């Protein structure tokens, strides 16, 4: 499961490049959550930098998730496997937090994989460090609540769309929230996420292309 906020970009709509990885999360928290500088500094100090290659696993099915990652650069996805068939649950990009939130809260083993789609630079905080922050200052508990609320909202909107929207509507909602998707994610993976065939995605794209000309 992931937590996503509106894309944080600089002038001209481009993603801002920072000299250090931690500068990116500091700017993000200040811009999106309006946190005080001292809270941001203490929170970010608990994160460690990590780099993964494309196809590396951040979490494997059966492992207990004890960490949350903030994506500085790169793309990741969550995937379930049923009877040998993969089912994509989510895509995450820059400025997203990602974890197996159910396992993180309960200690239950993950029933999915979290995999790097591209080379990734991450900032990672472990559960023990986060819980220590919660005990130390109520403002960190407030930050945790905001993250939990964001995760629930994302899950609810996706579940609602799967129940109520047709394939075309689901596709356009996905692209609207993740504009970089078509350039960075293979078509078959988008189809898996939307629970349709790759051919359906092709038809939707062709239909859209005809409307533009």
Protein backbone atom coordinates (compact mmCIF):
# COMPACT_ATOMS: atom_id res chain seq x y z
CA UNK A 1 0.00 0.00 0.00
CA UNK A 2 1.23 3.47 -0.72
CA UNK A 3 0.55 7.06 0.32
CA UNK A 4 0.54 9.62 -2.44
CA UNK A 5 0.10 13.39 -2.42
CA UNK A 6 -0.22 15.80 -5.37
CA UNK A 7 3.04 15.88 -7.36
CA UNK A 8 5.54 18.33 -5.89
CA UNK A 9 7.20 20.14 -8.78
CA UNK A 10 9.27 23.22 -9.33
CA UNK A 11 8.99 25.92 -11.96
CA UNK A 12 7.78 24.69 -15.33
CA UNK A 13 6.18 21.59 -13.79
CA UNK A 14 9.44 19.64 -13.53
CA UNK A 15 10.38 17.58 -10.49
CA UNK A 16 12.88 19.43 -8.33
CA UNK A 17 16.35 17.87 -8.08
CA UNK A 18 18.00 18.23 -4.66
CA UNK A 19 21.65 17.95 -3.69
CA UNK A 20 20.88 15.37 -1.02
CA UNK A 21 18.16 12.76 -0.73
CA UNK A 22 16.96 14.12 2.60
CA UNK A 23 16.44 17.60 1.17
CA UNK A 24 13.72 16.15 -1.06
CA UNK A 25 11.65 14.71 1.78
CA UNK A 26 12.11 17.84 3.88
CA UNK A 27 10.79 20.04 1.07
CA UNK A 28 7.96 17.59 0.42
CA UNK A 29 6.80 17.47 4.06
CA UNK A 30 6.96 21.24 4.36
CA UNK A 31 5.04 21.83 1.12
CA UNK A 32 2.40 19.09 1.43
CA UNK A 33 1.85 18.71 5.18
CA UNK A 34 2.83 22.20 6.39
CA UNK A 35 4.90 20.85 9.28
CA UNK A 36 7.16 22.95 11.49
CA UNK A 37 10.88 22.89 10.66
CA UNK A 38 11.91 21.29 13.97
CA UNK A 39 9.41 18.45 13.48
CA UNK A 40 10.61 17.87 9.93
CA UNK A 41 14.28 17.85 10.95
CA UNK A 42 13.76 15.35 13.77
CA UNK A 43 11.50 13.14 11.69
CA UNK A 44 13.83 13.02 8.68
CA UNK A 45 16.87 12.35 10.88
CA UNK A 46 15.45 8.88 11.56
CA UNK A 47 15.46 7.92 7.86
CA UNK A 48 18.35 6.08 6.25
CA UNK A 49 19.29 6.22 2.58
CA UNK A 50 18.95 3.12 0.44
CA UNK A 51 19.44 2.33 -3.23
CA UNK A 52 17.83 -0.54 -5.14
CA UNK A 53 18.24 -1.73 -8.71
CA UNK A 54 15.35 -2.42 -11.09
CA UNK A 55 13.70 -5.77 -10.23
CA UNK A 56 15.09 -5.76 -6.67
CA UNK A 57 12.60 -6.63 -3.93
CA UNK A 58 11.88 -4.09 -1.19
CA UNK A 59 9.63 -6.72 0.44
CA UNK A 60 8.94 -10.35 -0.41
CA UNK A 61 5.79 -12.38 0.11
CA UNK A 62 5.99 -14.01 3.55
CA UNK A 63 8.27 -11.41 5.12
CA UNK A 64 7.03 -9.17 7.93
CA UNK A 65 7.21 -5.53 6.90
CA UNK A 66 8.95 -3.37 9.51
CA UNK A 67 9.77 -0.33 7.40
CA UNK A 68 8.27 2.49 5.35
CA UNK A 69 10.02 3.97 2.33
CA UNK A 70 9.81 7.42 0.77
CA UNK A 71 10.65 7.32 -2.94
CA UNK A 72 13.17 10.03 -3.82
CA UNK A 73 13.57 8.75 -7.38
CA UNK A 74 12.37 5.72 -9.28
CA UNK A 75 9.22 3.62 -9.52
CA UNK A 76 7.94 0.64 -7.54
CA UNK A 77 4.93 -1.63 -7.61
CA UNK A 78 3.04 -4.00 -5.31
CA UNK A 79 2.02 -7.36 -6.74
CA UNK A 80 0.05 -10.39 -5.58
CA UNK A 81 0.56 -13.82 -7.09
CA UNK A 82 -2.37 -16.21 -7.34
CA UNK A 83 -1.98 -19.60 -8.97
CA UNK A 84 1.09 -18.39 -10.83
CA UNK A 85 -0.58 -15.23 -12.13
CA UNK A 86 0.58 -11.77 -11.07
CA UNK A 87 -1.95 -9.11 -10.11
CA UNK A 88 -0.60 -5.57 -9.73
CA UNK A 89 -2.02 -3.81 -6.69
CA UNK A 90 -0.33 -0.43 -6.93
CA UNK A 91 2.30 1.74 -8.62
CA UNK A 92 4.35 4.26 -6.69
CA UNK A 93 6.62 7.04 -7.93
CA UNK A 94 8.60 10.01 -6.62
CA UNK A 95 7.20 11.57 -3.41
CA UNK A 96 5.15 8.48 -2.53
CA UNK A 97 5.47 6.60 0.75
CA UNK A 98 5.24 2.83 0.30
CA UNK A 99 4.88 -0.12 2.69
CA UNK A 100 2.79 -3.19 3.43
CA UNK A 101 0.69 -1.17 5.86
CA UNK A 102 -1.36 -4.10 7.21
CA UNK A 103 1.78 -6.05 8.05
CA UNK A 104 3.49 -2.94 9.40
CA UNK A 105 0.63 -2.43 11.88
CA UNK A 106 -0.13 -6.04 12.83
CA UNK A 107 3.11 -7.94 12.32
CA UNK A 108 1.39 -10.31 9.89
CA UNK A 109 3.56 -11.72 7.04
CA UNK A 110 3.09 -9.97 3.72
CA UNK A 111 0.93 -11.68 1.10
CA UNK A 112 2.43 -9.61 -1.71
CA UNK A 113 5.77 -8.43 -3.08
CA UNK A 114 6.98 -4.84 -3.33
CA UNK A 115 9.33 -4.62 -6.30
CA UNK A 116 11.41 -1.89 -7.94
CA UNK A 117 10.28 -1.21 -11.49
CA UNK A 118 13.24 1.13 -12.01
CA UNK A 119 16.47 1.88 -10.16
CA UNK A 120 15.30 3.54 -6.95
CA UNK A 121 16.71 5.91 -4.36
CA UNK A 122 14.74 5.61 -1.12
CA UNK A 123 14.63 7.03 2.36
CA UNK A 124 13.62 4.33 4.83
CA UNK A 125 12.38 4.47 8.42
CA UNK A 126 11.86 1.37 10.57
CA UNK A 127 8.86 0.71 12.79
CA UNK A 128 10.78 1.00 16.08
CA UNK A 129 12.12 4.45 15.17
CA UNK A 130 8.69 5.65 14.13
CA UNK A 131 7.05 4.39 17.33
CA UNK A 132 9.74 6.11 19.41
CA UNK A 133 8.94 9.37 17.67
CA UNK A 134 5.22 8.88 18.40
CA UNK A 135 5.99 8.47 22.12
CA UNK A 136 8.28 11.47 22.15
CA UNK A 137 6.01 14.16 20.74
CA UNK A 138 2.29 14.27 19.89
CA UNK A 139 3.12 16.15 16.71
CA UNK A 140 4.69 12.96 15.33
CA UNK A 141 1.49 11.10 16.20
CA UNK A 142 -0.35 13.72 14.16
CA UNK A 143 1.99 13.04 11.23
CA UNK A 144 1.33 9.32 11.57
CA UNK A 145 -2.41 9.95 11.56
CA UNK A 146 -2.14 12.01 8.37
CA UNK A 147 -0.23 9.19 6.70
CA UNK A 148 -2.79 6.59 7.83
CA UNK A 149 -5.67 8.76 6.61
CA UNK A 150 -4.00 9.20 3.24
CA UNK A 151 -3.53 5.45 2.89
CA UNK A 152 -7.19 4.82 3.70
CA UNK A 153 -8.39 7.46 1.22
CA UNK A 154 -6.26 6.00 -1.58
CA UNK A 155 -7.54 2.49 -0.84
CA UNK A 156 -11.17 3.64 -0.68
CA UNK A 157 -11.03 5.54 -3.98
CA UNK A 158 -9.45 2.57 -5.77
CA UNK A 159 -11.99 0.08 -4.34
CA UNK A 160 -14.88 2.39 -5.25
CA UNK A 161 -13.60 2.80 -8.80
CA UNK A 162 -13.26 -0.97 -9.27
CA UNK A 163 -16.88 -1.45 -8.22
CA UNK A 164 -18.49 1.46 -10.06
CA UNK A 165 -16.37 2.48 -13.05
CA UNK A 166 -15.91 0.82 -16.42
CA UNK A 167 -12.43 0.00 -17.72
CA UNK A 168 -12.08 3.23 -19.71
CA UNK A 169 -13.02 5.41 -16.74
CA UNK A 170 -10.63 3.52 -14.45
CA UNK A 171 -7.84 3.98 -16.98
CA UNK A 172 -8.34 7.73 -17.29
CA UNK A 173 -8.58 8.17 -13.51
CA UNK A 174 -5.31 6.28 -13.13
CA UNK A 175 -3.51 8.35 -15.77
CA UNK A 176 -4.90 11.58 -14.29
CA UNK A 177 -3.38 10.77 -10.89
CA UNK A 178 -0.16 9.34 -12.34
CA UNK A 179 0.63 11.28 -15.56
CA UNK A 180 4.01 9.56 -15.99
CA UNK A 181 2.46 6.10 -15.99
CA UNK A 182 2.36 5.43 -19.75
CA UNK A 183 6.00 6.45 -20.21
CA UNK A 184 7.33 4.37 -17.32
CA UNK A 185 5.10 1.32 -16.91
CA UNK A 186 4.62 -1.50 -19.46
CA UNK A 187 1.13 -1.83 -20.89
CA UNK A 188 0.64 -5.38 -19.57
CA UNK A 189 1.28 -4.15 -16.02
CA UNK A 190 -1.24 -1.32 -16.36
CA UNK A 191 -3.74 -3.90 -17.63
CA UNK A 192 -3.06 -6.13 -14.63
CA UNK A 193 -3.65 -3.23 -12.24
CA UNK A 194 -6.96 -2.36 -13.91
CA UNK A 195 -7.98 -6.04 -14.12
CA UNK A 196 -8.41 -5.92 -17.90
CA UNK A 197 -6.52 -7.43 -20.84
CA UNK A 198 -3.63 -5.59 -22.57
CA UNK A 199 -5.84 -5.53 -25.67
CA UNK A 200 -8.42 -3.47 -23.77
CA UNK A 201 -5.75 -0.90 -22.89
CA UNK A 202 -4.75 -0.74 -26.57
CA UNK A 203 -8.37 -0.13 -27.63
CA UNK A 204 -8.78 2.65 -25.05
CA UNK A 205 -5.58 4.34 -26.22
CA UNK A 206 -6.56 4.08 -29.89
CA UNK A 207 -9.99 5.51 -29.12
CA UNK A 208 -8.39 8.41 -27.26
CA UNK A 209 -5.92 8.99 -30.06
CA UNK A 210 -8.72 9.26 -32.64
CA UNK A 211 -10.53 11.86 -30.52
CA UNK A 212 -7.43 14.04 -30.53
CA UNK A 213 -7.23 14.27 -34.33
